[in-house]
Amino acid sequence: LGAIPRLLDHVGISINFFGSGNALLSIAAIDVWQ
């Protein structure tokens, strides 16, 4: 349902941000944003 994955789908990029291998990196990126 996320807006960012939907936008990436339009340019042919598919990423499961909270899937295996990406989840911790995504959490770190959120911390970087804040």
Full PDB file with SEQRES, HELIX, SHEET, SSBOND, CRYST1, ORIGX, SCALE, CONECT and MASTER records, all heavy atoms in Angstrom:
SEQRES   1 A   34  LEU GLY ALA ILE PRO ARG LEU LEU ASP HIS VAL GLY ILE          
SEQRES   2 A   34  SER ILE ASN PHE PHE GLY SER GLY ASN ALA LEU LEU SER          
SEQRES   3 A   34  ILE ALA ALA ILE ASP VAL TRP GLN                              
HELIX    1 AA1 ALA A    3  HIS A   10  1                                   8    
HELIX    2 AA2 ALA A   23  TRP A   33  1                                  11    
CRYST1    1.000    1.000    1.000  90.00  90.00  90.00 P 1           1          
ORIGX1      1.000000  0.000000  0.000000        0.00000                         
ORIGX2      0.000000  1.000000  0.000000        0.00000                         
ORIGX3      0.000000  0.000000  1.000000        0.00000                         
SCALE1      1.000000  0.000000  0.000000        0.00000                         
SCALE2      0.000000  1.000000  0.000000        0.00000                         
SCALE3      0.000000  0.000000  1.000000        0.00000                         
ATOM      1  N   LEU A   1       0.800  -1.227   0.000  1.00  0.00           N  
ATOM      2  CA  LEU A   1       0.000   0.000   0.000  1.00  0.00           C  
ATOM      3  C   LEU A   1       0.830   1.273   0.000  1.00  0.00           C  
ATOM      4  O   LEU A   1       0.274   2.366  -0.159  1.00  0.00           O  
ATOM      5  CB  LEU A   1      -0.930   0.013   1.231  1.00  0.00           C  
ATOM      6  CG  LEU A   1      -1.865  -1.181   1.397  1.00  0.00           C  
ATOM      7  CD1 LEU A   1      -2.590  -1.099   2.735  1.00  0.00           C  
ATOM      8  CD2 LEU A   1      -2.869  -1.241   0.257  1.00  0.00           C  
ATOM      9  N   GLY A   2       2.137   1.155   0.182  1.00  0.00           N  
ATOM     10  CA  GLY A   2       2.984   2.328   0.351  1.00  0.00           C  
ATOM     11  C   GLY A   2       3.112   3.175  -0.901  1.00  0.00           C  
ATOM     12  O   GLY A   2       3.175   2.667  -2.026  1.00  0.00           O  
ATOM     13  N   ALA A   3       3.178   4.497  -0.692  1.00  0.00           N  
ATOM     14  CA  ALA A   3       3.288   5.425  -1.819  1.00  0.00           C  
ATOM     15  C   ALA A   3       4.641   5.311  -2.517  1.00  0.00           C  
ATOM     16  O   ALA A   3       4.724   5.390  -3.748  1.00  0.00           O  
ATOM     17  CB  ALA A   3       3.072   6.857  -1.328  1.00  0.00           C  
ATOM     18  N   ILE A   4       5.714   5.131  -1.744  1.00  0.00           N  
ATOM     19  CA  ILE A   4       7.049   5.082  -2.341  1.00  0.00           C  
ATOM     20  C   ILE A   4       7.242   3.832  -3.195  1.00  0.00           C  
ATOM     21  O   ILE A   4       7.723   3.937  -4.341  1.00  0.00           O  
ATOM     22  CB  ILE A   4       8.122   5.195  -1.233  1.00  0.00           C  
ATOM     23  CG1 ILE A   4       8.046   6.591  -0.591  1.00  0.00           C  
ATOM     24  CG2 ILE A   4       9.518   4.946  -1.793  1.00  0.00           C  
ATOM     25  CD1 ILE A   4       8.994   6.791   0.560  1.00  0.00           C  
ATOM     26  N   PRO A   5       6.888   2.609  -2.745  1.00  0.00           N  
ATOM     27  CA  PRO A   5       6.998   1.448  -3.631  1.00  0.00           C  
ATOM     28  C   PRO A   5       6.142   1.576  -4.897  1.00  0.00           C  
ATOM     29  O   PRO A   5       6.551   1.127  -5.977  1.00  0.00           O  
ATOM     30  CB  PRO A   5       6.506   0.286  -2.755  1.00  0.00           C  
ATOM     31  CG  PRO A   5       6.809   0.721  -1.372  1.00  0.00           C  
ATOM     32  CD  PRO A   5       6.550   2.197  -1.372  1.00  0.00           C  
ATOM     33  N   ARG A   6       4.971   2.206  -4.789  1.00  0.00           N  
ATOM     34  CA  ARG A   6       4.126   2.389  -5.972  1.00  0.00           C  
ATOM     35  C   ARG A   6       4.802   3.314  -6.992  1.00  0.00           C  
ATOM     36  O   ARG A   6       4.752   3.074  -8.204  1.00  0.00           O  
ATOM     37  CB  ARG A   6       2.766   2.962  -5.577  1.00  0.00           C  
ATOM     38  CG  ARG A   6       1.810   1.923  -4.987  1.00  0.00           C  
ATOM     39  CD  ARG A   6       0.493   2.557  -4.589  1.00  0.00           C  
ATOM     40  NE  ARG A   6      -0.462   1.547  -4.186  1.00  0.00           N  
ATOM     41  CZ  ARG A   6      -1.300   0.913  -4.993  1.00  0.00           C  
ATOM     42  NH1 ARG A   6      -1.294   1.198  -6.289  1.00  0.00           N  
ATOM     43  NH2 ARG A   6      -2.141   0.013  -4.541  1.00  0.00           N  
ATOM     44  N   LEU A   7       5.432   4.397  -6.494  1.00  0.00           N  
ATOM     45  CA  LEU A   7       6.140   5.299  -7.405  1.00  0.00           C  
ATOM     46  C   LEU A   7       7.321   4.596  -8.057  1.00  0.00           C  
ATOM     47  O   LEU A   7       7.587   4.785  -9.252  1.00  0.00           O  
ATOM     48  CB  LEU A   7       6.621   6.532  -6.627  1.00  0.00           C  
ATOM     49  CG  LEU A   7       5.540   7.506  -6.154  1.00  0.00           C  
ATOM     50  CD1 LEU A   7       6.151   8.591  -5.276  1.00  0.00           C  
ATOM     51  CD2 LEU A   7       4.830   8.137  -7.347  1.00  0.00           C  
ATOM     52  N   LEU A   8       8.027   3.777  -7.292  1.00  0.00           N  
ATOM     53  CA  LEU A   8       9.165   3.043  -7.863  1.00  0.00           C  
ATOM     54  C   LEU A   8       8.722   2.006  -8.884  1.00  0.00           C  
ATOM     55  O   LEU A   8       9.435   1.738  -9.858  1.00  0.00           O  
ATOM     56  CB  LEU A   8       9.960   2.373  -6.738  1.00  0.00           C  
ATOM     57  CG  LEU A   8      10.700   3.315  -5.773  1.00  0.00           C  
ATOM     58  CD1 LEU A   8      11.368   2.525  -4.655  1.00  0.00           C  
ATOM     59  CD2 LEU A   8      11.736   4.144  -6.517  1.00  0.00           C  
ATOM     60  N   ASP A   9       7.537   1.423  -8.670  1.00  0.00           N  
ATOM     61  CA  ASP A   9       7.012   0.450  -9.633  1.00  0.00           C  
ATOM     62  C   ASP A   9       6.818   1.067 -11.005  1.00  0.00           C  
ATOM     63  O   ASP A   9       6.971   0.392 -12.034  1.00  0.00           O  
ATOM     64  CB  ASP A   9       5.681  -0.135  -9.135  1.00  0.00           C  
ATOM     65  CG  ASP A   9       5.894  -1.174  -8.048  1.00  0.00           C  
ATOM     66  OD1 ASP A   9       7.015  -1.712  -7.966  1.00  0.00           O  
ATOM     67  OD2 ASP A   9       4.946  -1.432  -7.283  1.00  0.00           O  
ATOM     68  N   HIS A  10       6.481   2.348 -11.042  1.00  0.00           N  
ATOM     69  CA  HIS A  10       6.250   3.020 -12.320  1.00  0.00           C  
ATOM     70  C   HIS A  10       7.532   3.154 -13.142  1.00  0.00           C  
ATOM     71  O   HIS A  10       7.469   3.323 -14.360  1.00  0.00           O  
ATOM     72  CB  HIS A  10       5.643   4.405 -12.085  1.00  0.00           C  
ATOM     73  CG  HIS A  10       4.210   4.356 -11.627  1.00  0.00           C  
ATOM     74  ND1 HIS A  10       3.204   3.753 -12.351  1.00  0.00           N  
ATOM     75  CD2 HIS A  10       3.617   4.836 -10.499  1.00  0.00           C  
ATOM     76  CE1 HIS A  10       2.055   3.868 -11.703  1.00  0.00           C  
ATOM     77  NE2 HIS A  10       2.283   4.513 -10.569  1.00  0.00           N  
ATOM     78  N   VAL A  11       8.680   3.115 -12.479  1.00  0.00           N  
ATOM     79  CA  VAL A  11       9.954   3.197 -13.215  1.00  0.00           C  
ATOM     80  C   VAL A  11      10.659   1.844 -13.253  1.00  0.00           C  
ATOM     81  O   VAL A  11      11.859   1.761 -13.533  1.00  0.00           O  
ATOM     82  CB  VAL A  11      10.877   4.265 -12.589  1.00  0.00           C  
ATOM     83  CG1 VAL A  11      10.275   5.644 -12.750  1.00  0.00           C  
ATOM     84  CG2 VAL A  11      11.152   3.972 -11.114  1.00  0.00           C  
ATOM     85  N   GLY A  12       9.922   0.789 -12.940  1.00  0.00           N  
ATOM     86  CA  GLY A  12      10.452  -0.561 -13.059  1.00  0.00           C  
ATOM     87  C   GLY A  12      11.331  -1.020 -11.916  1.00  0.00           C  
ATOM     88  O   GLY A  12      12.116  -1.962 -12.087  1.00  0.00           O  
ATOM     89  N   ILE A  13      11.218  -0.387 -10.765  1.00  0.00           N  
ATOM     90  CA  ILE A  13      12.024  -0.771  -9.593  1.00  0.00           C  
ATOM     91  C   ILE A  13      11.102  -1.380  -8.546  1.00  0.00           C  
ATOM     92  O   ILE A  13      10.114  -0.757  -8.149  1.00  0.00           O  
ATOM     93  CB  ILE A  13      12.774   0.439  -9.002  1.00  0.00           C  
ATOM     94  CG1 ILE A  13      13.709   1.050 -10.050  1.00  0.00           C  
ATOM     95  CG2 ILE A  13      13.565   0.028  -7.761  1.00  0.00           C  
ATOM     96  CD1 ILE A  13      14.393   2.316  -9.585  1.00  0.00           C  
ATOM     97  N   SER A  14      11.430  -2.583  -8.114  1.00  0.00           N  
ATOM     98  CA  SER A  14      10.622  -3.264  -7.094  1.00  0.00           C  
ATOM     99  C   SER A  14      11.491  -3.569  -5.881  1.00  0.00           C  
ATOM    100  O   SER A  14      12.472  -4.315  -5.987  1.00  0.00           O  
ATOM    101  CB  SER A  14      10.036  -4.562  -7.672  1.00  0.00           C  
ATOM    102  OG  SER A  14       9.273  -5.237  -6.692  1.00  0.00           O  
ATOM    103  N   ILE A  15      11.164  -2.950  -4.759  1.00  0.00           N  
ATOM    104  CA  ILE A  15      11.933  -3.135  -3.529  1.00  0.00           C  
ATOM    105  C   ILE A  15      10.979  -3.413  -2.371  1.00  0.00           C  
ATOM    106  O   ILE A  15      10.024  -2.669  -2.162  1.00  0.00           O  
ATOM    107  CB  ILE A  15      12.774  -1.877  -3.183  1.00  0.00           C  
ATOM    108  CG1 ILE A  15      13.743  -1.543  -4.323  1.00  0.00           C  
ATOM    109  CG2 ILE A  15      13.555  -2.100  -1.891  1.00  0.00           C  
ATOM    110  CD1 ILE A  15      14.526  -0.270  -4.082  1.00  0.00           C  
ATOM    111  N   ASN A  16      11.259  -4.487  -1.644  1.00  0.00           N  
ATOM    112  CA  ASN A  16      10.537  -4.757  -0.400  1.00  0.00           C  
ATOM    113  C   ASN A  16      11.391  -4.189   0.734  1.00  0.00           C  
ATOM    114  O   ASN A  16      12.345  -4.823   1.191  1.00  0.00           O  
ATOM    115  CB  ASN A  16      10.318  -6.256  -0.218  1.00  0.00           C  
ATOM    116  CG  ASN A  16       9.489  -6.564   1.021  1.00  0.00           C  
ATOM    117  OD1 ASN A  16       9.116  -5.666   1.788  1.00  0.00           O  
ATOM    118  ND2 ASN A  16       9.177  -7.821   1.230  1.00  0.00           N  
ATOM    119  N   PHE A  17      11.073  -2.965   1.147  1.00  0.00           N  
ATOM    120  CA  PHE A  17      11.926  -2.246   2.094  1.00  0.00           C  
ATOM    121  C   PHE A  17      12.060  -2.953   3.432  1.00  0.00           C  
ATOM    122  O   PHE A  17      13.087  -2.814   4.104  1.00  0.00           O  
ATOM    123  CB  PHE A  17      11.382  -0.830   2.315  1.00  0.00           C  
ATOM    124  CG  PHE A  17      11.582   0.079   1.139  1.00  0.00           C  
ATOM    125  CD1 PHE A  17      10.571   0.281   0.213  1.00  0.00           C  
ATOM    126  CD2 PHE A  17      12.792   0.726   0.948  1.00  0.00           C  
ATOM    127  CE1 PHE A  17      10.751   1.122  -0.874  1.00  0.00           C  
ATOM    128  CE2 PHE A  17      12.987   1.570  -0.133  1.00  0.00           C  
ATOM    129  CZ  PHE A  17      11.966   1.755  -1.052  1.00  0.00           C  
ATOM    130  N   PHE A  18      11.041  -3.696   3.841  1.00  0.00           N  
ATOM    131  CA  PHE A  18      11.083  -4.366   5.131  1.00  0.00           C  
ATOM    132  C   PHE A  18      11.190  -5.875   4.985  1.00  0.00           C  
ATOM    133  O   PHE A  18      10.867  -6.625   5.907  1.00  0.00           O  
ATOM    134  CB  PHE A  18       9.844  -3.991   5.952  1.00  0.00           C  
ATOM    135  CG  PHE A  18       9.726  -2.509   6.189  1.00  0.00           C  
ATOM    136  CD1 PHE A  18       8.592  -1.806   5.804  1.00  0.00           C  
ATOM    137  CD2 PHE A  18      10.766  -1.809   6.775  1.00  0.00           C  
ATOM    138  CE1 PHE A  18       8.492  -0.447   6.001  1.00  0.00           C  
ATOM    139  CE2 PHE A  18      10.677  -0.443   6.981  1.00  0.00           C  
ATOM    140  CZ  PHE A  18       9.550   0.243   6.593  1.00  0.00           C  
ATOM    141  N   GLY A  19      11.666  -6.316   3.827  1.00  0.00           N  
ATOM    142  CA  GLY A  19      11.909  -7.735   3.595  1.00  0.00           C  
ATOM    143  C   GLY A  19      13.291  -8.136   4.074  1.00  0.00           C  
ATOM    144  O   GLY A  19      14.099  -7.310   4.534  1.00  0.00           O  
ATOM    145  N   SER A  20      13.597  -9.414   3.955  1.00  0.00           N  
ATOM    146  CA  SER A  20      14.885  -9.932   4.390  1.00  0.00           C  
ATOM    147  C   SER A  20      16.023  -9.264   3.616  1.00  0.00           C  
ATOM    148  O   SER A  20      15.978  -9.166   2.393  1.00  0.00           O  
ATOM    149  CB  SER A  20      14.940 -11.447   4.194  1.00  0.00           C  
ATOM    150  OG  SER A  20      16.163 -11.967   4.620  1.00  0.00           O  
ATOM    151  N   GLY A  21      17.027  -8.818   4.338  1.00  0.00           N  
ATOM    152  CA  GLY A  21      18.173  -8.173   3.728  1.00  0.00           C  
ATOM    153  C   GLY A  21      18.043  -6.672   3.597  1.00  0.00           C  
ATOM    154  O   GLY A  21      19.050  -5.971   3.425  1.00  0.00           O  
ATOM    155  N   ASN A  22      16.815  -6.145   3.668  1.00  0.00           N  
ATOM    156  CA  ASN A  22      16.581  -4.708   3.516  1.00  0.00           C  
ATOM    157  C   ASN A  22      16.055  -4.041   4.777  1.00  0.00           C  
ATOM    158  O   ASN A  22      16.133  -2.812   4.897  1.00  0.00           O  
ATOM    159  CB  ASN A  22      15.588  -4.443   2.383  1.00  0.00           C  
ATOM    160  CG  ASN A  22      16.106  -4.878   1.031  1.00  0.00           C  
ATOM    161  OD1 ASN A  22      17.297  -4.807   0.770  1.00  0.00           O  
ATOM    162  ND2 ASN A  22      15.207  -5.346   0.175  1.00  0.00           N  
ATOM    163  N   ALA A  23      15.494  -4.828   5.684  1.00  0.00           N  
ATOM    164  CA  ALA A  23      14.752  -4.258   6.810  1.00  0.00           C  
ATOM    165  C   ALA A  23      15.639  -3.389   7.706  1.00  0.00           C  
ATOM    166  O   ALA A  23      15.283  -2.249   8.032  1.00  0.00           O  
ATOM    167  CB  ALA A  23      14.093  -5.371   7.630  1.00  0.00           C  
ATOM    168  N   LEU A  24      16.800  -3.911   8.105  1.00  0.00           N  
ATOM    169  CA  LEU A  24      17.658  -3.146   9.009  1.00  0.00           C  
ATOM    170  C   LEU A  24      18.188  -1.894   8.325  1.00  0.00           C  
ATOM    171  O   LEU A  24      18.279  -0.825   8.949  1.00  0.00           O  
ATOM    172  CB  LEU A  24      18.817  -4.015   9.497  1.00  0.00           C  
ATOM    173  CG  LEU A  24      19.685  -3.398  10.609  1.00  0.00           C  
ATOM    174  CD1 LEU A  24      18.852  -3.181  11.869  1.00  0.00           C  
ATOM    175  CD2 LEU A  24      20.884  -4.294  10.922  1.00  0.00           C  
ATOM    176  N   LEU A  25      18.512  -2.018   7.040  1.00  0.00           N  
ATOM    177  CA  LEU A  25      18.978  -0.851   6.293  1.00  0.00           C  
ATOM    178  C   LEU A  25      17.885   0.207   6.196  1.00  0.00           C  
ATOM    179  O   LEU A  25      18.162   1.409   6.296  1.00  0.00           O  
ATOM    180  CB  LEU A  25      19.424  -1.279   4.896  1.00  0.00           C  
ATOM    181  CG  LEU A  25      20.085  -0.211   4.019  1.00  0.00           C  
ATOM    182  CD1 LEU A  25      21.341   0.324   4.683  1.00  0.00           C  
ATOM    183  CD2 LEU A  25      20.408  -0.774   2.643  1.00  0.00           C  
ATOM    184  N   SER A  26      16.636  -0.234   6.018  1.00  0.00           N  
ATOM    185  CA  SER A  26      15.516   0.708   5.955  1.00  0.00           C  
ATOM    186  C   SER A  26      15.297   1.405   7.290  1.00  0.00           C  
ATOM    187  O   SER A  26      15.043   2.621   7.333  1.00  0.00           O  
ATOM    188  CB  SER A  26      14.233  -0.021   5.529  1.00  0.00           C  
ATOM    189  OG  SER A  26      14.364  -0.577   4.239  1.00  0.00           O  
ATOM    190  N   ILE A  27      15.411   0.657   8.387  1.00  0.00           N  
ATOM    191  CA  ILE A  27      15.280   1.254   9.720  1.00  0.00           C  
ATOM    192  C   ILE A  27      16.384   2.284   9.946  1.00  0.00           C  
ATOM    193  O   ILE A  27      16.146   3.377  10.489  1.00  0.00           O  
ATOM    194  CB  ILE A  27      15.332   0.163  10.806  1.00  0.00           C  
ATOM    195  CG1 ILE A  27      14.139  -0.798  10.673  1.00  0.00           C  
ATOM    196  CG2 ILE A  27      15.333   0.786  12.197  1.00  0.00           C  
ATOM    197  CD1 ILE A  27      12.807  -0.191  10.952  1.00  0.00           C  
ATOM    198  N   ALA A  28      17.610   1.947   9.509  1.00  0.00           N  
ATOM    199  CA  ALA A  28      18.722   2.898   9.645  1.00  0.00           C  
ATOM    200  C   ALA A  28      18.478   4.151   8.806  1.00  0.00           C  
ATOM    201  O   ALA A  28      18.783   5.267   9.236  1.00  0.00           O  
ATOM    202  CB  ALA A  28      20.037   2.222   9.231  1.00  0.00           C  
ATOM    203  N   ALA A  29      17.918   3.975   7.594  1.00  0.00           N  
ATOM    204  CA  ALA A  29      17.629   5.127   6.730  1.00  0.00           C  
ATOM    205  C   ALA A  29      16.576   6.034   7.360  1.00  0.00           C  
ATOM    206  O   ALA A  29      16.655   7.269   7.241  1.00  0.00           O  
ATOM    207  CB  ALA A  29      17.153   4.640   5.358  1.00  0.00           C  
ATOM    208  N   ILE A  30      15.597   5.443   8.041  1.00  0.00           N  
ATOM    209  CA  ILE A  30      14.586   6.246   8.743  1.00  0.00           C  
ATOM    210  C   ILE A  30      15.247   7.052   9.851  1.00  0.00           C  
ATOM    211  O   ILE A  30      14.932   8.241  10.054  1.00  0.00           O  
ATOM    212  CB  ILE A  30      13.478   5.328   9.302  1.00  0.00           C  
ATOM    213  CG1 ILE A  30      12.693   4.684   8.157  1.00  0.00           C  
ATOM    214  CG2 ILE A  30      12.543   6.111  10.226  1.00  0.00           C  
ATOM    215  CD1 ILE A  30      11.740   3.594   8.606  1.00  0.00           C  
ATOM    216  N   ASP A  31      16.162   6.420  10.588  1.00  0.00           N  
ATOM    217  CA  ASP A  31      16.882   7.132  11.646  1.00  0.00           C  
ATOM    218  C   ASP A  31      17.709   8.269  11.056  1.00  0.00           C  
ATOM    219  O   ASP A  31      17.777   9.359  11.642  1.00  0.00           O  
ATOM    220  CB  ASP A  31      17.790   6.150  12.387  1.00  0.00           C  
ATOM    221  CG  ASP A  31      18.379   6.750  13.653  1.00  0.00           C  
ATOM    222  OD1 ASP A  31      17.677   6.757  14.682  1.00  0.00           O  
ATOM    223  OD2 ASP A  31      19.538   7.217  13.619  1.00  0.00           O  
ATOM    224  N   VAL A  32      18.325   8.034   9.900  1.00  0.00           N  
ATOM    225  CA  VAL A  32      19.106   9.079   9.233  1.00  0.00           C  
ATOM    226  C   VAL A  32      18.205  10.249   8.858  1.00  0.00           C  
ATOM    227  O   VAL A  32      18.570  11.414   9.030  1.00  0.00           O  
ATOM    228  CB  VAL A  32      19.814   8.509   7.982  1.00  0.00           C  
ATOM    229  CG1 VAL A  32      20.417   9.633   7.144  1.00  0.00           C  
ATOM    230  CG2 VAL A  32      20.895   7.515   8.392  1.00  0.00           C  
ATOM    231  N   TRP A  33      17.016   9.954   8.348  1.00  0.00           N  
ATOM    232  CA  TRP A  33      16.073  11.015   7.972  1.00  0.00           C  
ATOM    233  C   TRP A  33      15.710  11.874   9.174  1.00  0.00           C  
ATOM    234  O   TRP A  33      15.649  13.103   9.079  1.00  0.00           O  
ATOM    235  CB  TRP A  33      14.814  10.403   7.368  1.00  0.00           C  
ATOM    236  CG  TRP A  33      13.783  11.420   6.990  1.00  0.00           C  
ATOM    237  CD1 TRP A  33      13.688  12.108   5.813  1.00  0.00           C  
ATOM    238  CD2 TRP A  33      12.690  11.879   7.797  1.00  0.00           C  
ATOM    239  NE1 TRP A  33      12.612  12.962   5.835  1.00  0.00           N  
ATOM    240  CE2 TRP A  33      11.981  12.846   7.040  1.00  0.00           C  
ATOM    241  CE3 TRP A  33      12.233  11.575   9.072  1.00  0.00           C  
ATOM    242  CZ2 TRP A  33      10.849  13.490   7.532  1.00  0.00           C  
ATOM    243  CZ3 TRP A  33      11.114  12.224   9.570  1.00  0.00           C  
ATOM    244  CH2 TRP A  33      10.426  13.179   8.792  1.00  0.00           C  
ATOM    245  N   GLN A  34      15.506  11.232  10.323  1.00  0.00           N  
ATOM    246  CA  GLN A  34      15.044  12.002  11.485  1.00  0.00           C  
ATOM    247  C   GLN A  34      16.165  12.711  12.223  1.00  0.00           C  
ATOM    248  O   GLN A  34      15.977  13.834  12.700  1.00  0.00           O  
ATOM    249  CB  GLN A  34      14.298  11.095  12.472  1.00  0.00           C  
ATOM    250  CG  GLN A  34      13.788  11.873  13.681  1.00  0.00           C  
ATOM    251  CD  GLN A  34      12.779  11.120  14.503  1.00  0.00           C  
ATOM    252  OE1 GLN A  34      12.790   9.900  14.538  1.00  0.00           O  
ATOM    253  NE2 GLN A  34      11.895  11.846  15.172  1.00  0.00           N  
TER     254      GLN A  34                                                      
MASTER        0    0    0    2    0    0    0    6  253    1    0    3          
END                                                                             
